[in-house]
Amino acid sequence: MQQNTAYLLESLTHRQLVGRRVRLSDGREGKIELVEYEAPERVALVKTFRETPSPLTRVGVDRMSAPHLPYITDLLDS
């Protein structure tokens, strides 16, 4: 995760994260639908498929999030 993006993500609140378009470490892009708060290990549910209803992808938000999850590398709408 890029250092500046990591610090920005950790400073954003739940309201500020939901609805943001993001790029993930595995190359996919999507919109954050929900953020599960168990800081410092927040996990976001991101809609990465166009279908509706769509399965949601679990991704790490904070640097302390589970290492097996893809993580957010860029905020696309900032």
PDB file of N, CA and C in Angstrom:
ATOM      1  N   MET A   1       0.860  -1.171   0.000  1.00  0.00           N
ATOM      2  CA  MET A   1       0.000   0.000   0.000  1.00  0.00           C
ATOM      3  C   MET A   1       0.900   1.225   0.000  1.00  0.00           C
ATOM      4  N   GLN A   2       0.566   2.188  -0.824  1.00  0.00           N
ATOM      5  CA  GLN A   2       1.374   3.398  -0.853  1.00  0.00           C
ATOM      6  C   GLN A   2       1.236   4.114   0.487  1.00  0.00           C
ATOM      7  N   GLN A   3       2.334   4.680   0.956  1.00  0.00           N
ATOM      8  CA  GLN A   3       2.372   5.299   2.275  1.00  0.00           C
ATOM      9  C   GLN A   3       1.314   6.391   2.441  1.00  0.00           C
ATOM     10  N   ASN A   4       1.196   7.306   1.469  1.00  0.00           N
ATOM     11  CA  ASN A   4       0.228   8.397   1.583  1.00  0.00           C
ATOM     12  C   ASN A   4      -1.201   7.880   1.597  1.00  0.00           C
ATOM     13  N   THR A   5      -1.495   6.895   0.746  1.00  0.00           N
ATOM     14  CA  THR A   5      -2.842   6.318   0.710  1.00  0.00           C
ATOM     15  C   THR A   5      -3.147   5.620   2.024  1.00  0.00           C
ATOM     16  N   ALA A   6      -2.185   4.901   2.577  1.00  0.00           N
ATOM     17  CA  ALA A   6      -2.383   4.193   3.840  1.00  0.00           C
ATOM     18  C   ALA A   6      -2.739   5.165   4.959  1.00  0.00           C
ATOM     19  N   TYR A   7      -2.012   6.256   5.073  1.00  0.00           N
ATOM     20  CA  TYR A   7      -2.298   7.234   6.124  1.00  0.00           C
ATOM     21  C   TYR A   7      -3.653   7.902   5.901  1.00  0.00           C
ATOM     22  N   LEU A   8      -3.983   8.200   4.662  1.00  0.00           N
ATOM     23  CA  LEU A   8      -5.269   8.814   4.358  1.00  0.00           C
ATOM     24  C   LEU A   8      -6.412   7.881   4.726  1.00  0.00           C
ATOM     25  N   LEU A   9      -6.309   6.604   4.357  1.00  0.00           N
ATOM     26  CA  LEU A   9      -7.363   5.638   4.676  1.00  0.00           C
ATOM     27  C   LEU A   9      -7.569   5.522   6.177  1.00  0.00           C
ATOM     28  N   GLU A  10      -6.492   5.518   6.936  1.00  0.00           N
ATOM     29  CA  GLU A  10      -6.609   5.387   8.381  1.00  0.00           C
ATOM     30  C   GLU A  10      -7.230   6.619   9.025  1.00  0.00           C
ATOM     31  N   SER A  11      -7.153   7.758   8.362  1.00  0.00           N
ATOM     32  CA  SER A  11      -7.718   8.977   8.930  1.00  0.00           C
ATOM     33  C   SER A  11      -9.180   9.193   8.549  1.00  0.00           C
ATOM     34  N   LEU A  12      -9.663   8.455   7.548  1.00  0.00           N
ATOM     35  CA  LEU A  12     -11.039   8.636   7.100  1.00  0.00           C
ATOM     36  C   LEU A  12     -12.012   7.882   8.010  1.00  0.00           C
ATOM     37  N   THR A  13     -13.169   8.491   8.240  1.00  0.00           N
ATOM     38  CA  THR A  13     -14.205   7.857   9.053  1.00  0.00           C
ATOM     39  C   THR A  13     -15.053   6.931   8.186  1.00  0.00           C
ATOM     40  N   HIS A  14     -15.918   6.192   8.842  1.00  0.00           N
ATOM     41  CA  HIS A  14     -16.838   5.288   8.147  1.00  0.00           C
ATOM     42  C   HIS A  14     -17.627   6.034   7.077  1.00  0.00           C
ATOM     43  N   ARG A  15     -18.205   7.156   7.436  1.00  0.00           N
ATOM     44  CA  ARG A  15     -18.999   7.953   6.484  1.00  0.00           C
ATOM     45  C   ARG A  15     -18.170   8.416   5.292  1.00  0.00           C
ATOM     46  N   GLN A  16     -16.924   8.750   5.525  1.00  0.00           N
ATOM     47  CA  GLN A  16     -16.066   9.233   4.449  1.00  0.00           C
ATOM     48  C   GLN A  16     -15.611   8.110   3.518  1.00  0.00           C
ATOM     49  N   LEU A  17     -15.581   6.884   4.002  1.00  0.00           N
ATOM     50  CA  LEU A  17     -15.137   5.754   3.188  1.00  0.00           C
ATOM     51  C   LEU A  17     -16.252   5.172   2.326  1.00  0.00           C
ATOM     52  N   VAL A  18     -17.449   5.040   2.895  1.00  0.00           N
ATOM     53  CA  VAL A  18     -18.557   4.416   2.160  1.00  0.00           C
ATOM     54  C   VAL A  18     -18.899   5.262   0.933  1.00  0.00           C
ATOM     55  N   GLY A  19     -18.989   4.592  -0.211  1.00  0.00           N
ATOM     56  CA  GLY A  19     -19.313   5.267  -1.461  1.00  0.00           C
ATOM     57  C   GLY A  19     -18.098   5.659  -2.294  1.00  0.00           C
ATOM     58  N   ARG A  20     -16.891   5.561  -1.724  1.00  0.00           N
ATOM     59  CA  ARG A  20     -15.672   5.925  -2.462  1.00  0.00           C
ATOM     60  C   ARG A  20     -15.323   4.845  -3.460  1.00  0.00           C
ATOM     61  N   ARG A  21     -14.818   5.247  -4.624  1.00  0.00           N
ATOM     62  CA  ARG A  21     -14.317   4.307  -5.629  1.00  0.00           C
ATOM     63  C   ARG A  21     -12.849   4.051  -5.333  1.00  0.00           C
ATOM     64  N   VAL A  22     -12.458   2.775  -5.374  1.00  0.00           N
ATOM     65  CA  VAL A  22     -11.103   2.389  -4.997  1.00  0.00           C
ATOM     66  C   VAL A  22     -10.520   1.388  -5.990  1.00  0.00           C
ATOM     67  N   ARG A  23      -9.183   1.329  -6.009  1.00  0.00           N
ATOM     68  CA  ARG A  23      -8.459   0.297  -6.759  1.00  0.00           C
ATOM     69  C   ARG A  23      -7.837  -0.631  -5.716  1.00  0.00           C
ATOM     70  N   LEU A  24      -7.914  -1.945  -5.992  1.00  0.00           N
ATOM     71  CA  LEU A  24      -7.414  -2.936  -5.051  1.00  0.00           C
ATOM     72  C   LEU A  24      -6.055  -3.471  -5.478  1.00  0.00           C
ATOM     73  N   SER A  25      -5.368  -4.103  -4.554  1.00  0.00           N
ATOM     74  CA  SER A  25      -4.033  -4.650  -4.815  1.00  0.00           C
ATOM     75  C   SER A  25      -4.050  -5.740  -5.884  1.00  0.00           C
ATOM     76  N   ASP A  26      -5.202  -6.362  -6.128  1.00  0.00           N
ATOM     77  CA  ASP A  26      -5.283  -7.396  -7.163  1.00  0.00           C
ATOM     78  C   ASP A  26      -5.716  -6.832  -8.518  1.00  0.00           C
ATOM     79  N   GLY A  27      -5.776  -5.492  -8.627  1.00  0.00           N
ATOM     80  CA  GLY A  27      -6.082  -4.840  -9.894  1.00  0.00           C
ATOM     81  C   GLY A  27      -7.539  -4.503 -10.123  1.00  0.00           C
ATOM     82  N   ARG A  28      -8.430  -5.061  -9.331  1.00  0.00           N
ATOM     83  CA  ARG A  28      -9.856  -4.765  -9.498  1.00  0.00           C
ATOM     84  C   ARG A  28     -10.187  -3.377  -8.959  1.00  0.00           C
ATOM     85  N   GLU A  29     -11.299  -2.841  -9.437  1.00  0.00           N
ATOM     86  CA  GLU A  29     -11.804  -1.555  -8.964  1.00  0.00           C
ATOM     87  C   GLU A  29     -13.243  -1.737  -8.521  1.00  0.00           C
ATOM     88  N   GLY A  30     -13.678  -0.874  -7.633  1.00  0.00           N
ATOM     89  CA  GLY A  30     -15.053  -0.957  -7.179  1.00  0.00           C
ATOM     90  C   GLY A  30     -15.397   0.154  -6.219  1.00  0.00           C
ATOM     91  N   LYS A  31     -16.607   0.064  -5.656  1.00  0.00           N
ATOM     92  CA  LYS A  31     -17.117   1.075  -4.739  1.00  0.00           C
ATOM     93  C   LYS A  31     -17.291   0.447  -3.365  1.00  0.00           C
ATOM     94  N   ILE A  32     -16.843   1.149  -2.327  1.00  0.00           N
ATOM     95  CA  ILE A  32     -16.998   0.662  -0.953  1.00  0.00           C
ATOM     96  C   ILE A  32     -18.469   0.750  -0.578  1.00  0.00           C
ATOM     97  N   GLU A  33     -19.036  -0.393  -0.185  1.00  0.00           N
ATOM     98  CA  GLU A  33     -20.446  -0.461   0.204  1.00  0.00           C
ATOM     99  C   GLU A  33     -20.618  -0.420   1.717  1.00  0.00           C
ATOM    100  N   LEU A  34     -19.660  -0.978   2.452  1.00  0.00           N
ATOM    101  CA  LEU A  34     -19.778  -1.090   3.897  1.00  0.00           C
ATOM    102  C   LEU A  34     -18.382  -1.194   4.491  1.00  0.00           C
ATOM    103  N   VAL A  35     -18.202  -0.652   5.686  1.00  0.00           N
ATOM    104  CA  VAL A  35     -16.934  -0.794   6.404  1.00  0.00           C
ATOM    105  C   VAL A  35     -17.234  -1.441   7.747  1.00  0.00           C
ATOM    106  N   GLU A  36     -16.577  -2.557   8.002  1.00  0.00           N
ATOM    107  CA  GLU A  36     -16.706  -3.226   9.288  1.00  0.00           C
ATOM    108  C   GLU A  36     -15.646  -2.643  10.205  1.00  0.00           C
ATOM    109  N   TYR A  37     -16.057  -2.110  11.343  1.00  0.00           N
ATOM    110  CA  TYR A  37     -15.114  -1.474  12.253  1.00  0.00           C
ATOM    111  C   TYR A  37     -14.683  -2.397  13.350  1.00  0.00           C
ATOM    112  N   GLU A  38     -13.464  -2.824  13.286  1.00  0.00           N
ATOM    113  CA  GLU A  38     -12.786  -3.498  14.380  1.00  0.00           C
ATOM    114  C   GLU A  38     -11.359  -2.984  14.337  1.00  0.00           C
ATOM    115  N   ALA A  39     -11.216  -1.669  14.488  1.00  0.00           N
ATOM    116  CA  ALA A  39      -9.930  -1.011  14.350  1.00  0.00           C
ATOM    117  C   ALA A  39      -8.913  -1.638  15.292  1.00  0.00           C
ATOM    118  N   PRO A  40      -7.671  -1.778  14.888  1.00  0.00           N
ATOM    119  CA  PRO A  40      -7.089  -1.231  13.663  1.00  0.00           C
ATOM    120  C   PRO A  40      -7.161  -2.192  12.490  1.00  0.00           C
ATOM    121  N   GLU A  41      -8.110  -3.098  12.508  1.00  0.00           N
ATOM    122  CA  GLU A  41      -8.199  -4.101  11.444  1.00  0.00           C
ATOM    123  C   GLU A  41      -9.506  -3.950  10.669  1.00  0.00           C
ATOM    124  N   ARG A  42      -9.793  -2.742  10.199  1.00  0.00           N
ATOM    125  CA  ARG A  42     -11.040  -2.530   9.468  1.00  0.00           C
ATOM    126  C   ARG A  42     -11.033  -3.294   8.156  1.00  0.00           C
ATOM    127  N   VAL A  43     -12.204  -3.792   7.806  1.00  0.00           N
ATOM    128  CA  VAL A  43     -12.399  -4.505   6.548  1.00  0.00           C
ATOM    129  C   VAL A  43     -13.549  -3.819   5.818  1.00  0.00           C
ATOM    130  N   ALA A  44     -13.358  -3.566   4.529  1.00  0.00           N
ATOM    131  CA  ALA A  44     -14.415  -2.960   3.720  1.00  0.00           C
ATOM    132  C   ALA A  44     -15.011  -4.021   2.812  1.00  0.00           C
ATOM    133  N   LEU A  45     -16.277  -3.870   2.524  1.00  0.00           N
ATOM    134  CA  LEU A  45     -16.939  -4.707   1.531  1.00  0.00           C
ATOM    135  C   LEU A  45     -17.084  -3.856   0.283  1.00  0.00           C
ATOM    136  N   VAL A  46     -16.463  -4.306  -0.808  1.00  0.00           N
ATOM    137  CA  VAL A  46     -16.381  -3.524  -2.037  1.00  0.00           C
ATOM    138  C   VAL A  46     -17.124  -4.247  -3.160  1.00  0.00           C
ATOM    139  N   LYS A  47     -17.958  -3.498  -3.869  1.00  0.00           N
ATOM    140  CA  LYS A  47     -18.666  -4.051  -5.019  1.00  0.00           C
ATOM    141  C   LYS A  47     -17.711  -3.994  -6.212  1.00  0.00           C
ATOM    142  N   THR A  48     -17.190  -5.165  -6.605  1.00  0.00           N
ATOM    143  CA  THR A  48     -16.214  -5.225  -7.694  1.00  0.00           C
ATOM    144  C   THR A  48     -16.813  -5.823  -8.963  1.00  0.00           C
ATOM    145  N   PHE A  49     -18.062  -6.246  -8.906  1.00  0.00           N
ATOM    146  CA  PHE A  49     -18.746  -6.807 -10.067  1.00  0.00           C
ATOM    147  C   PHE A  49     -19.893  -5.894 -10.460  1.00  0.00           C
ATOM    148  N   ARG A  50     -20.191  -5.782 -11.743  1.00  0.00           N
ATOM    149  CA  ARG A  50     -21.241  -4.881 -12.215  1.00  0.00           C
ATOM    150  C   ARG A  50     -22.648  -5.406 -11.968  1.00  0.00           C
ATOM    151  N   GLU A  51     -22.804  -6.712 -11.828  1.00  0.00           N
ATOM    152  CA  GLU A  51     -24.120  -7.289 -11.653  1.00  0.00           C
ATOM    153  C   GLU A  51     -24.796  -6.774 -10.390  1.00  0.00           C
ATOM    154  N   THR A  52     -26.116  -6.727 -10.437  1.00  0.00           N
ATOM    155  CA  THR A  52     -26.890  -6.354  -9.257  1.00  0.00           C
ATOM    156  C   THR A  52     -27.976  -7.391  -9.075  1.00  0.00           C
ATOM    157  N   PRO A  53     -28.083  -8.061  -7.967  1.00  0.00           N
ATOM    158  CA  PRO A  53     -27.179  -7.959  -6.825  1.00  0.00           C
ATOM    159  C   PRO A  53     -25.814  -8.557  -7.152  1.00  0.00           C
ATOM    160  N   SER A  54     -24.816  -8.070  -6.465  1.00  0.00           N
ATOM    161  CA  SER A  54     -23.440  -8.462  -6.736  1.00  0.00           C
ATOM    162  C   SER A  54     -22.803  -9.018  -5.471  1.00  0.00           C
ATOM    163  N   PRO A  55     -21.952 -10.043  -5.622  1.00  0.00           N
ATOM    164  CA  PRO A  55     -21.176 -10.462  -4.455  1.00  0.00           C
ATOM    165  C   PRO A  55     -20.208  -9.342  -4.084  1.00  0.00           C
ATOM    166  N   LEU A  56     -19.949  -9.192  -2.799  1.00  0.00           N
ATOM    167  CA  LEU A  56     -19.031  -8.157  -2.335  1.00  0.00           C
ATOM    168  C   LEU A  56     -17.687  -8.779  -1.993  1.00  0.00           C
ATOM    169  N   THR A  57     -16.627  -8.036  -2.262  1.00  0.00           N
ATOM    170  CA  THR A  57     -15.263  -8.492  -1.991  1.00  0.00           C
ATOM    171  C   THR A  57     -14.788  -7.891  -0.677  1.00  0.00           C
ATOM    172  N   ARG A  58     -14.288  -8.723   0.228  1.00  0.00           N
ATOM    173  CA  ARG A  58     -13.728  -8.236   1.498  1.00  0.00           C
ATOM    174  C   ARG A  58     -12.308  -7.747   1.237  1.00  0.00           C
ATOM    175  N   VAL A  59     -12.004  -6.534   1.662  1.00  0.00           N
ATOM    176  CA  VAL A  59     -10.670  -5.965   1.464  1.00  0.00           C
ATOM    177  C   VAL A  59     -10.189  -5.291   2.744  1.00  0.00           C
ATOM    178  N   GLY A  60      -8.873  -5.277   2.930  1.00  0.00           N
ATOM    179  CA  GLY A  60      -8.287  -4.613   4.078  1.00  0.00           C
ATOM    180  C   GLY A  60      -8.258  -3.103   3.872  1.00  0.00           C
ATOM    181  N   VAL A  61      -8.556  -2.359   4.923  1.00  0.00           N
ATOM    182  CA  VAL A  61      -8.516  -0.894   4.867  1.00  0.00           C
ATOM    183  C   VAL A  61      -7.254  -0.369   5.535  1.00  0.00           C
ATOM    184  N   ASP A  62      -6.984  -0.853   6.734  1.00  0.00           N
ATOM    185  CA  ASP A  62      -5.857  -0.362   7.523  1.00  0.00           C
ATOM    186  C   ASP A  62      -4.618  -1.231   7.328  1.00  0.00           C
ATOM    187  N   ARG A  63      -3.476  -0.687   7.688  1.00  0.00           N
ATOM    188  CA  ARG A  63      -2.222  -1.431   7.553  1.00  0.00           C
ATOM    189  C   ARG A  63      -2.190  -2.678   8.421  1.00  0.00           C
ATOM    190  N   MET A  64      -3.020  -2.732   9.450  1.00  0.00           N
ATOM    191  CA  MET A  64      -3.056  -3.886  10.350  1.00  0.00           C
ATOM    192  C   MET A  64      -4.093  -4.916   9.919  1.00  0.00           C
ATOM    193  N   SER A  65      -4.765  -4.707   8.796  1.00  0.00           N
ATOM    194  CA  SER A  65      -5.781  -5.651   8.324  1.00  0.00           C
ATOM    195  C   SER A  65      -5.142  -6.983   7.956  1.00  0.00           C
ATOM    196  N   ALA A  66      -5.972  -8.009   7.900  1.00  0.00           N
ATOM    197  CA  ALA A  66      -5.485  -9.363   7.607  1.00  0.00           C
ATOM    198  C   ALA A  66      -4.681  -9.394   6.307  1.00  0.00           C
ATOM    199  N   PRO A  67      -3.489  -9.976   6.332  1.00  0.00           N
ATOM    200  CA  PRO A  67      -2.615  -9.971   5.151  1.00  0.00           C
ATOM    201  C   PRO A  67      -3.117 -10.829   3.992  1.00  0.00           C
ATOM    202  N   HIS A  68      -4.055 -11.754   4.239  1.00  0.00           N
ATOM    203  CA  HIS A  68      -4.547 -12.602   3.157  1.00  0.00           C
ATOM    204  C   HIS A  68      -5.617 -11.916   2.301  1.00  0.00           C
ATOM    205  N   LEU A  69      -6.089 -10.748   2.730  1.00  0.00           N
ATOM    206  CA  LEU A  69      -7.101 -10.016   1.968  1.00  0.00           C
ATOM    207  C   LEU A  69      -6.442  -9.065   0.974  1.00  0.00           C
ATOM    208  N   PRO A  70      -7.092  -8.841  -0.185  1.00  0.00           N
ATOM    209  CA  PRO A  70      -6.599  -7.748  -1.030  1.00  0.00           C
ATOM    210  C   PRO A  70      -6.767  -6.444  -0.247  1.00  0.00           C
ATOM    211  N   TYR A  71      -6.023  -5.424  -0.607  1.00  0.00           N
ATOM    212  CA  TYR A  71      -6.126  -4.162   0.118  1.00  0.00           C
ATOM    213  C   TYR A  71      -6.273  -3.010  -0.871  1.00  0.00           C
ATOM    214  N   ILE A  72      -6.668  -1.868  -0.337  1.00  0.00           N
ATOM    215  CA  ILE A  72      -6.898  -0.679  -1.158  1.00  0.00           C
ATOM    216  C   ILE A  72      -5.557  -0.027  -1.472  1.00  0.00           C
ATOM    217  N   THR A  73      -5.289   0.181  -2.758  1.00  0.00           N
ATOM    218  CA  THR A  73      -4.042   0.830  -3.153  1.00  0.00           C
ATOM    219  C   THR A  73      -4.259   2.278  -3.552  1.00  0.00           C
ATOM    220  N   ASP A  74      -5.441   2.619  -4.063  1.00  0.00           N
ATOM    221  CA  ASP A  74      -5.707   3.989  -4.523  1.00  0.00           C
ATOM    222  C   ASP A  74      -7.158   4.368  -4.308  1.00  0.00           C
ATOM    223  N   LEU A  75      -7.370   5.631  -3.963  1.00  0.00           N
ATOM    224  CA  LEU A  75      -8.707   6.211  -3.966  1.00  0.00           C
ATOM    225  C   LEU A  75      -8.890   6.861  -5.327  1.00  0.00           C
ATOM    226  N   LEU A  76      -9.891   6.429  -6.078  1.00  0.00           N
ATOM    227  CA  LEU A  76     -10.051   6.891  -7.463  1.00  0.00           C
ATOM    228  C   LEU A  76     -10.853   8.178  -7.571  1.00  0.00           C
ATOM    229  N   ASP A  77     -11.567   8.546  -6.528  1.00  0.00           N
ATOM    230  CA  ASP A  77     -12.408   9.733  -6.612  1.00  0.00           C
ATOM    231  C   ASP A  77     -11.940  10.847  -5.678  1.00  0.00           C
ATOM    232  N   SER A  78     -10.650  10.843  -5.366  1.00  0.00           N
ATOM    233  CA  SER A  78     -10.153  11.889  -4.464  1.00  0.00           C
ATOM    234  C   SER A  78      -9.559  13.059  -5.206  1.00  0.00           C
TER     235      SER A  78
END
